[in-house]
């Protein structure tokens, strides 16, 4: 079995992934102290020790979104420069890289975005993830996953009726993840197009309805992606 390094094992998705694949002894989950994406030498030392064939890079600063507006230096160092560091090491040691990006790199106006459609990030978080994508695109042996997912149970007691999305739960991606392992390029990852309310009420019948009012830095009303390629694979 190919040895794999999974970054972000203590994150929301990482915890679900680790629990589900607990029996896979070929996967290493280094802490940020051991595999600090901002410390090139530390990462190289760990890579030399493990000798992985694949790195699954989920480690990033995400929520709260406002963090990326207030602390752009940290966002850049972690999400952009940190990813570029990993790309450089993957090139040097001939390692495949699977990079977790976001559906928010699309313009989020009309929806149904395909992998080759033009990009226009909606906020600094999305810009930081696109910055990471730019480095990953230079590595031929790579896969970029533009993902729309959320933790289970749904994290809020209300959901928007006028906000369309491709939400899927972390568990839904984890179960089929290894079908993506040998793919390259870019794949949109998400569930069926629906309102956040319709998605959430399937898990929580008591969820309350709410209408999203458009204002500066608000969530986009339609960030939906075309996920046909994902469906064909999984």
C-alpha atoms as a PDB file:
ATOM      1  CA  UNK A   1       0.000   0.000   0.000  1.00  0.00           C
ATOM      2  CA  UNK A   2       1.196   3.492  -0.849  1.00  0.00           C
ATOM      3  CA  UNK A   3       2.265   5.564   2.129  1.00  0.00           C
ATOM      4  CA  UNK A   4       0.170   8.696   2.599  1.00  0.00           C
ATOM      5  CA  UNK A   5       0.623  11.874   4.634  1.00  0.00           C
ATOM      6  CA  UNK A   6      -2.667  13.511   5.615  1.00  0.00           C
ATOM      7  CA  UNK A   7      -2.343  17.137   6.725  1.00  0.00           C
ATOM      8  CA  UNK A   8      -5.048  18.652   8.914  1.00  0.00           C
ATOM      9  CA  UNK A   9      -5.878  15.467  10.779  1.00  0.00           C
ATOM     10  CA  UNK A  10      -7.142  17.459  13.752  1.00  0.00           C
ATOM     11  CA  UNK A  11      -9.514  19.546  11.623  1.00  0.00           C
ATOM     12  CA  UNK A  12     -13.258  18.992  11.187  1.00  0.00           C
ATOM     13  CA  UNK A  13     -12.916  16.856   8.058  1.00  0.00           C
ATOM     14  CA  UNK A  14      -9.681  15.279   9.245  1.00  0.00           C
ATOM     15  CA  UNK A  15     -11.282  13.886  12.410  1.00  0.00           C
ATOM     16  CA  UNK A  16     -14.038  12.196  10.407  1.00  0.00           C
ATOM     17  CA  UNK A  17     -11.547  10.856   7.869  1.00  0.00           C
ATOM     18  CA  UNK A  18      -9.217   9.518  10.551  1.00  0.00           C
ATOM     19  CA  UNK A  19     -12.033   7.772  12.411  1.00  0.00           C
ATOM     20  CA  UNK A  20     -13.404   6.162   9.259  1.00  0.00           C
ATOM     21  CA  UNK A  21      -9.998   4.892   8.039  1.00  0.00           C
ATOM     22  CA  UNK A  22      -8.558   4.016  11.422  1.00  0.00           C
ATOM     23  CA  UNK A  23      -7.533   0.572  10.161  1.00  0.00           C
ATOM     24  CA  UNK A  24      -5.401   1.944   7.313  1.00  0.00           C
ATOM     25  CA  UNK A  25      -1.880   1.813   8.731  1.00  0.00           C
ATOM     26  CA  UNK A  26      -0.320   3.383   5.635  1.00  0.00           C
ATOM     27  CA  UNK A  27      -1.711   6.852   6.475  1.00  0.00           C
ATOM     28  CA  UNK A  28       0.223   9.235   8.729  1.00  0.00           C
ATOM     29  CA  UNK A  29      -1.483  12.167  10.461  1.00  0.00           C
ATOM     30  CA  UNK A  30       1.325  14.493  11.602  1.00  0.00           C
ATOM     31  CA  UNK A  31       0.475  17.340  13.951  1.00  0.00           C
ATOM     32  CA  UNK A  32       1.140  20.924  12.909  1.00  0.00           C
ATOM     33  CA  UNK A  33       4.143  20.927  15.245  1.00  0.00           C
ATOM     34  CA  UNK A  34       5.741  18.060  13.333  1.00  0.00           C
ATOM     35  CA  UNK A  35       4.507  19.065   9.863  1.00  0.00           C
ATOM     36  CA  UNK A  36       4.251  22.843   9.998  1.00  0.00           C
ATOM     37  CA  UNK A  37       3.362  24.044   6.498  1.00  0.00           C
ATOM     38  CA  UNK A  38       5.148  27.332   7.149  1.00  0.00           C
ATOM     39  CA  UNK A  39       8.378  25.501   8.040  1.00  0.00           C
ATOM     40  CA  UNK A  40       9.906  23.988   4.898  1.00  0.00           C
ATOM     41  CA  UNK A  41      12.768  22.224   6.704  1.00  0.00           C
ATOM     42  CA  UNK A  42      10.476  20.543   9.230  1.00  0.00           C
ATOM     43  CA  UNK A  43       8.244  19.200   6.479  1.00  0.00           C
ATOM     44  CA  UNK A  44      11.175  17.960   4.436  1.00  0.00           C
ATOM     45  CA  UNK A  45      12.562  16.122   7.454  1.00  0.00           C
ATOM     46  CA  UNK A  46       9.232  14.369   8.017  1.00  0.00           C
ATOM     47  CA  UNK A  47       8.862  13.485   4.333  1.00  0.00           C
ATOM     48  CA  UNK A  48      12.312  11.918   4.299  1.00  0.00           C
ATOM     49  CA  UNK A  49      11.296   9.817   7.295  1.00  0.00           C
ATOM     50  CA  UNK A  50       7.891   8.646   6.004  1.00  0.00           C
ATOM     51  CA  UNK A  51       8.710   8.483   2.266  1.00  0.00           C
ATOM     52  CA  UNK A  52       5.095   9.019   1.140  1.00  0.00           C
ATOM     53  CA  UNK A  53       3.780   8.530  -2.367  1.00  0.00           C
ATOM     54  CA  UNK A  54       0.772  10.805  -1.754  1.00  0.00           C
ATOM     55  CA  UNK A  55       0.083  13.887   0.367  1.00  0.00           C
ATOM     56  CA  UNK A  56      -3.566  14.754   1.073  1.00  0.00           C
ATOM     57  CA  UNK A  57      -3.439  18.434   1.980  1.00  0.00           C
ATOM     58  CA  UNK A  58      -6.494  19.552   3.963  1.00  0.00           C
ATOM     59  CA  UNK A  59      -4.690  21.702   6.562  1.00  0.00           C
ATOM     60  CA  UNK A  60      -5.724  25.347   6.237  1.00  0.00           C
ATOM     61  CA  UNK A  61      -7.213  28.268   8.068  1.00  0.00           C
ATOM     62  CA  UNK A  62     -10.902  28.442   7.163  1.00  0.00           C
ATOM     63  CA  UNK A  63     -13.586  29.709   9.532  1.00  0.00           C
ATOM     64  CA  UNK A  64     -14.389  32.275  10.687  1.00  0.00           C
ATOM     65  CA  UNK A  65     -14.228  33.944   7.277  1.00  0.00           C
ATOM     66  CA  UNK A  66     -13.617  37.327   8.872  1.00  0.00           C
ATOM     67  CA  UNK A  67     -10.227  36.065  10.091  1.00  0.00           C
ATOM     68  CA  UNK A  68      -8.919  36.305   6.523  1.00  0.00           C
ATOM     69  CA  UNK A  69      -9.963  39.938   6.338  1.00  0.00           C
ATOM     70  CA  UNK A  70      -8.274  40.885   9.618  1.00  0.00           C
ATOM     71  CA  UNK A  71      -5.184  38.631   9.565  1.00  0.00           C
ATOM     72  CA  UNK A  72      -4.164  38.484   5.923  1.00  0.00           C
ATOM     73  CA  UNK A  73      -0.534  37.794   6.842  1.00  0.00           C
ATOM     74  CA  UNK A  74      -1.459  34.574   8.640  1.00  0.00           C
ATOM     75  CA  UNK A  75      -3.876  33.592   5.879  1.00  0.00           C
ATOM     76  CA  UNK A  76      -1.214  34.124   3.206  1.00  0.00           C
ATOM     77  CA  UNK A  77       1.544  32.327   5.135  1.00  0.00           C
ATOM     78  CA  UNK A  78      -0.597  29.290   5.882  1.00  0.00           C
ATOM     79  CA  UNK A  79      -2.956  28.843   2.952  1.00  0.00           C
ATOM     80  CA  UNK A  80      -0.834  30.195   0.098  1.00  0.00           C
ATOM     81  CA  UNK A  81       2.855  29.994   1.030  1.00  0.00           C
ATOM     82  CA  UNK A  82       2.294  26.839   3.091  1.00  0.00           C
ATOM     83  CA  UNK A  83       0.679  25.105   0.113  1.00  0.00           C
ATOM     84  CA  UNK A  84       3.474  26.327  -2.188  1.00  0.00           C
ATOM     85  CA  UNK A  85       5.988  24.785   0.226  1.00  0.00           C
ATOM     86  CA  UNK A  86       4.230  21.433  -0.032  1.00  0.00           C
ATOM     87  CA  UNK A  87       4.091  21.657  -3.833  1.00  0.00           C
ATOM     88  CA  UNK A  88       7.844  22.278  -3.952  1.00  0.00           C
ATOM     89  CA  UNK A  89       8.494  19.238  -1.766  1.00  0.00           C
ATOM     90  CA  UNK A  90       6.135  17.069  -3.814  1.00  0.00           C
ATOM     91  CA  UNK A  91       8.017  18.025  -6.972  1.00  0.00           C
ATOM     92  CA  UNK A  92      11.373  17.331  -5.341  1.00  0.00           C
ATOM     93  CA  UNK A  93      10.434  13.908  -3.943  1.00  0.00           C
ATOM     94  CA  UNK A  94       8.019  12.828  -6.704  1.00  0.00           C
ATOM     95  CA  UNK A  95       4.928  12.795  -4.492  1.00  0.00           C
ATOM     96  CA  UNK A  96       1.344  13.107  -5.704  1.00  0.00           C
ATOM     97  CA  UNK A  97      -0.571  15.995  -4.093  1.00  0.00           C
ATOM     98  CA  UNK A  98      -4.319  16.090  -3.436  1.00  0.00           C
ATOM     99  CA  UNK A  99      -5.345  19.620  -2.484  1.00  0.00           C
ATOM    100  CA  UNK A 100      -8.587  20.645  -0.782  1.00  0.00           C
ATOM    101  CA  UNK A 101      -9.954  23.875  -2.231  1.00  0.00           C
ATOM    102  CA  UNK A 102     -13.423  25.449  -2.113  1.00  0.00           C
ATOM    103  CA  UNK A 103     -16.434  26.179  -4.301  1.00  0.00           C
ATOM    104  CA  UNK A 104     -16.030  29.827  -3.254  1.00  0.00           C
ATOM    105  CA  UNK A 105     -13.305  30.314  -5.886  1.00  0.00           C
ATOM    106  CA  UNK A 106     -16.133  30.641  -8.447  1.00  0.00           C
ATOM    107  CA  UNK A 107     -17.949  33.976  -8.999  1.00  0.00           C
ATOM    108  CA  UNK A 108     -21.013  32.677  -7.098  1.00  0.00           C
ATOM    109  CA  UNK A 109     -23.578  34.557  -9.215  1.00  0.00           C
ATOM    110  CA  UNK A 110     -25.218  32.186 -11.702  1.00  0.00           C
ATOM    111  CA  UNK A 111     -24.245  28.808 -10.244  1.00  0.00           C
ATOM    112  CA  UNK A 112     -23.739  25.480 -12.054  1.00  0.00           C
ATOM    113  CA  UNK A 113     -20.019  26.204 -12.407  1.00  0.00           C
ATOM    114  CA  UNK A 114     -17.927  23.608 -14.210  1.00  0.00           C
ATOM    115  CA  UNK A 115     -14.270  22.932 -13.508  1.00  0.00           C
ATOM    116  CA  UNK A 116     -13.083  24.948 -16.521  1.00  0.00           C
ATOM    117  CA  UNK A 117     -15.240  28.018 -15.861  1.00  0.00           C
ATOM    118  CA  UNK A 118     -13.608  31.375 -15.003  1.00  0.00           C
ATOM    119  CA  UNK A 119     -12.848  32.012 -11.342  1.00  0.00           C
ATOM    120  CA  UNK A 120     -13.489  35.047  -9.165  1.00  0.00           C
ATOM    121  CA  UNK A 121     -13.183  34.388  -5.401  1.00  0.00           C
ATOM    122  CA  UNK A 122     -15.873  35.968  -3.241  1.00  0.00           C
ATOM    123  CA  UNK A 123     -13.706  36.793  -0.196  1.00  0.00           C
ATOM    124  CA  UNK A 124     -10.161  36.640   1.189  1.00  0.00           C
ATOM    125  CA  UNK A 125     -10.583  33.040   2.321  1.00  0.00           C
ATOM    126  CA  UNK A 126     -11.414  32.014  -1.244  1.00  0.00           C
ATOM    127  CA  UNK A 127      -8.503  34.082  -2.578  1.00  0.00           C
ATOM    128  CA  UNK A 128      -6.177  32.268  -0.187  1.00  0.00           C
ATOM    129  CA  UNK A 129      -7.406  28.895  -1.438  1.00  0.00           C
ATOM    130  CA  UNK A 130      -7.071  29.983  -5.063  1.00  0.00           C
ATOM    131  CA  UNK A 131      -3.542  31.137  -4.253  1.00  0.00           C
ATOM    132  CA  UNK A 132      -2.829  27.607  -3.117  1.00  0.00           C
ATOM    133  CA  UNK A 133      -4.414  26.254  -6.295  1.00  0.00           C
ATOM    134  CA  UNK A 134      -2.039  28.329  -8.427  1.00  0.00           C
ATOM    135  CA  UNK A 135       0.941  26.513  -6.942  1.00  0.00           C
ATOM    136  CA  UNK A 136      -0.734  23.087  -7.192  1.00  0.00           C
ATOM    137  CA  UNK A 137      -1.590  23.675 -10.863  1.00  0.00           C
ATOM    138  CA  UNK A 138       2.147  23.784 -11.605  1.00  0.00           C
ATOM    139  CA  UNK A 139       2.562  20.228 -10.303  1.00  0.00           C
ATOM    140  CA  UNK A 140       1.518  17.725 -12.976  1.00  0.00           C
ATOM    141  CA  UNK A 141       0.974  14.897 -10.507  1.00  0.00           C
ATOM    142  CA  UNK A 142      -1.797  16.628  -8.575  1.00  0.00           C
ATOM    143  CA  UNK A 143      -5.526  16.745  -7.957  1.00  0.00           C
ATOM    144  CA  UNK A 144      -7.490  19.816  -6.882  1.00  0.00           C
ATOM    145  CA  UNK A 145     -10.835  19.201  -5.182  1.00  0.00           C
ATOM    146  CA  UNK A 146     -13.188  22.185  -5.087  1.00  0.00           C
ATOM    147  CA  UNK A 147     -15.422  21.145  -2.232  1.00  0.00           C
ATOM    148  CA  UNK A 148     -18.741  22.218  -0.751  1.00  0.00           C
ATOM    149  CA  UNK A 149     -19.266  20.361   2.521  1.00  0.00           C
ATOM    150  CA  UNK A 150     -20.177  20.866   6.161  1.00  0.00           C
ATOM    151  CA  UNK A 151     -20.015  18.957   9.429  1.00  0.00           C
ATOM    152  CA  UNK A 152     -22.785  16.680  10.692  1.00  0.00           C
ATOM    153  CA  UNK A 153     -25.016  17.447  12.506  1.00  0.00           C
ATOM    154  CA  UNK A 154     -25.776  20.756  10.816  1.00  0.00           C
ATOM    155  CA  UNK A 155     -24.019  23.368  12.924  1.00  0.00           C
ATOM    156  CA  UNK A 156     -26.829  25.940  13.183  1.00  0.00           C
ATOM    157  CA  UNK A 157     -30.414  26.093  14.457  1.00  0.00           C
ATOM    158  CA  UNK A 158     -31.603  27.923  11.338  1.00  0.00           C
ATOM    159  CA  UNK A 159     -30.941  27.657   7.591  1.00  0.00           C
ATOM    160  CA  UNK A 160     -31.404  29.993   4.639  1.00  0.00           C
ATOM    161  CA  UNK A 161     -34.247  29.317   2.212  1.00  0.00           C
ATOM    162  CA  UNK A 162     -32.898  31.581  -0.553  1.00  0.00           C
ATOM    163  CA  UNK A 163     -29.283  30.377  -0.568  1.00  0.00           C
ATOM    164  CA  UNK A 164     -28.540  27.600  -3.068  1.00  0.00           C
ATOM    165  CA  UNK A 165     -25.603  25.293  -2.520  1.00  0.00           C
ATOM    166  CA  UNK A 166     -24.095  21.828  -3.099  1.00  0.00           C
ATOM    167  CA  UNK A 167     -23.656  20.943   0.571  1.00  0.00           C
ATOM    168  CA  UNK A 168     -22.712  17.407   1.494  1.00  0.00           C
ATOM    169  CA  UNK A 169     -21.643  16.113   4.894  1.00  0.00           C
ATOM    170  CA  UNK A 170     -18.018  15.260   5.615  1.00  0.00           C
ATOM    171  CA  UNK A 171     -18.995  11.600   6.013  1.00  0.00           C
ATOM    172  CA  UNK A 172     -20.382  11.500   2.462  1.00  0.00           C
ATOM    173  CA  UNK A 173     -17.030  12.458   0.964  1.00  0.00           C
ATOM    174  CA  UNK A 174     -14.990  10.291   3.319  1.00  0.00           C
ATOM    175  CA  UNK A 175     -16.855   7.128   2.264  1.00  0.00           C
ATOM    176  CA  UNK A 176     -15.973   7.534  -1.418  1.00  0.00           C
ATOM    177  CA  UNK A 177     -12.688   9.399  -1.095  1.00  0.00           C
ATOM    178  CA  UNK A 178     -10.384   6.591  -2.210  1.00  0.00           C
ATOM    179  CA  UNK A 179     -12.188   6.401  -5.549  1.00  0.00           C
ATOM    180  CA  UNK A 180     -10.605   9.800  -6.260  1.00  0.00           C
ATOM    181  CA  UNK A 181      -7.081   8.846  -5.260  1.00  0.00           C
ATOM    182  CA  UNK A 182      -5.763   8.098  -8.769  1.00  0.00           C
ATOM    183  CA  UNK A 183      -7.443  11.050 -10.500  1.00  0.00           C
ATOM    184  CA  UNK A 184      -5.686  14.225 -11.636  1.00  0.00           C
ATOM    185  CA  UNK A 185      -6.701  17.746 -12.592  1.00  0.00           C
ATOM    186  CA  UNK A 186      -9.692  19.446 -10.964  1.00  0.00           C
ATOM    187  CA  UNK A 187     -12.927  17.920  -9.658  1.00  0.00           C
ATOM    188  CA  UNK A 188     -15.929  19.736  -8.202  1.00  0.00           C
ATOM    189  CA  UNK A 189     -17.110  17.928  -5.075  1.00  0.00           C
ATOM    190  CA  UNK A 190     -20.591  18.338  -3.606  1.00  0.00           C
ATOM    191  CA  UNK A 191     -24.129  17.063  -3.316  1.00  0.00           C
ATOM    192  CA  UNK A 192     -27.340  17.861  -5.215  1.00  0.00           C
ATOM    193  CA  UNK A 193     -28.216  21.522  -5.807  1.00  0.00           C
ATOM    194  CA  UNK A 194     -30.734  22.704  -3.210  1.00  0.00           C
ATOM    195  CA  UNK A 195     -31.349  25.445  -0.683  1.00  0.00           C
ATOM    196  CA  UNK A 196     -29.438  25.256   2.563  1.00  0.00           C
ATOM    197  CA  UNK A 197     -32.780  24.891   4.345  1.00  0.00           C
ATOM    198  CA  UNK A 198     -33.824  21.854   2.284  1.00  0.00           C
ATOM    199  CA  UNK A 199     -30.424  20.292   2.897  1.00  0.00           C
ATOM    200  CA  UNK A 200     -30.476  20.921   6.646  1.00  0.00           C
ATOM    201  CA  UNK A 201     -34.061  19.836   7.325  1.00  0.00           C
ATOM    202  CA  UNK A 202     -33.288  16.289   6.147  1.00  0.00           C
ATOM    203  CA  UNK A 203     -30.995  15.973   9.156  1.00  0.00           C
ATOM    204  CA  UNK A 204     -32.982  18.204  11.532  1.00  0.00           C
ATOM    205  CA  UNK A 205     -36.763  18.407  11.098  1.00  0.00           C
ATOM    206  CA  UNK A 206     -36.925  21.260  13.618  1.00  0.00           C
ATOM    207  CA  UNK A 207     -34.534  23.540  11.745  1.00  0.00           C
ATOM    208  CA  UNK A 208     -35.815  27.119  11.474  1.00  0.00           C
ATOM    209  CA  UNK A 209     -36.187  29.030   8.220  1.00  0.00           C
ATOM    210  CA  UNK A 210     -34.331  32.252   7.570  1.00  0.00           C
ATOM    211  CA  UNK A 211     -33.876  34.545   4.552  1.00  0.00           C
ATOM    212  CA  UNK A 212     -30.377  35.792   3.781  1.00  0.00           C
ATOM    213  CA  UNK A 213     -30.273  39.547   3.303  1.00  0.00           C
ATOM    214  CA  UNK A 214     -27.665  40.665   0.803  1.00  0.00           C
ATOM    215  CA  UNK A 215     -25.100  43.084   2.145  1.00  0.00           C
ATOM    216  CA  UNK A 216     -21.353  43.658   1.929  1.00  0.00           C
ATOM    217  CA  UNK A 217     -19.320  40.476   2.605  1.00  0.00           C
ATOM    218  CA  UNK A 218     -22.478  38.357   2.873  1.00  0.00           C
ATOM    219  CA  UNK A 219     -22.636  34.770   1.666  1.00  0.00           C
ATOM    220  CA  UNK A 220     -23.354  34.317  -2.066  1.00  0.00           C
ATOM    221  CA  UNK A 221     -26.911  33.321  -3.039  1.00  0.00           C
ATOM    222  CA  UNK A 222     -25.798  30.810  -5.663  1.00  0.00           C
ATOM    223  CA  UNK A 223     -22.374  29.189  -5.366  1.00  0.00           C
ATOM    224  CA  UNK A 224     -23.512  25.893  -6.891  1.00  0.00           C
ATOM    225  CA  UNK A 225     -21.189  23.752  -8.982  1.00  0.00           C
ATOM    226  CA  UNK A 226     -21.708  21.200 -11.716  1.00  0.00           C
ATOM    227  CA  UNK A 227     -20.617  17.920 -10.067  1.00  0.00           C
ATOM    228  CA  UNK A 228     -21.140  15.534 -13.000  1.00  0.00           C
ATOM    229  CA  UNK A 229     -17.493  14.436 -13.063  1.00  0.00           C
ATOM    230  CA  UNK A 230     -17.631  13.600  -9.365  1.00  0.00           C
ATOM    231  CA  UNK A 231     -20.848  11.609  -9.797  1.00  0.00           C
ATOM    232  CA  UNK A 232     -19.345   9.582 -12.661  1.00  0.00           C
ATOM    233  CA  UNK A 233     -16.415   8.591 -10.471  1.00  0.00           C
ATOM    234  CA  UNK A 234     -18.307   7.950  -7.252  1.00  0.00           C
END
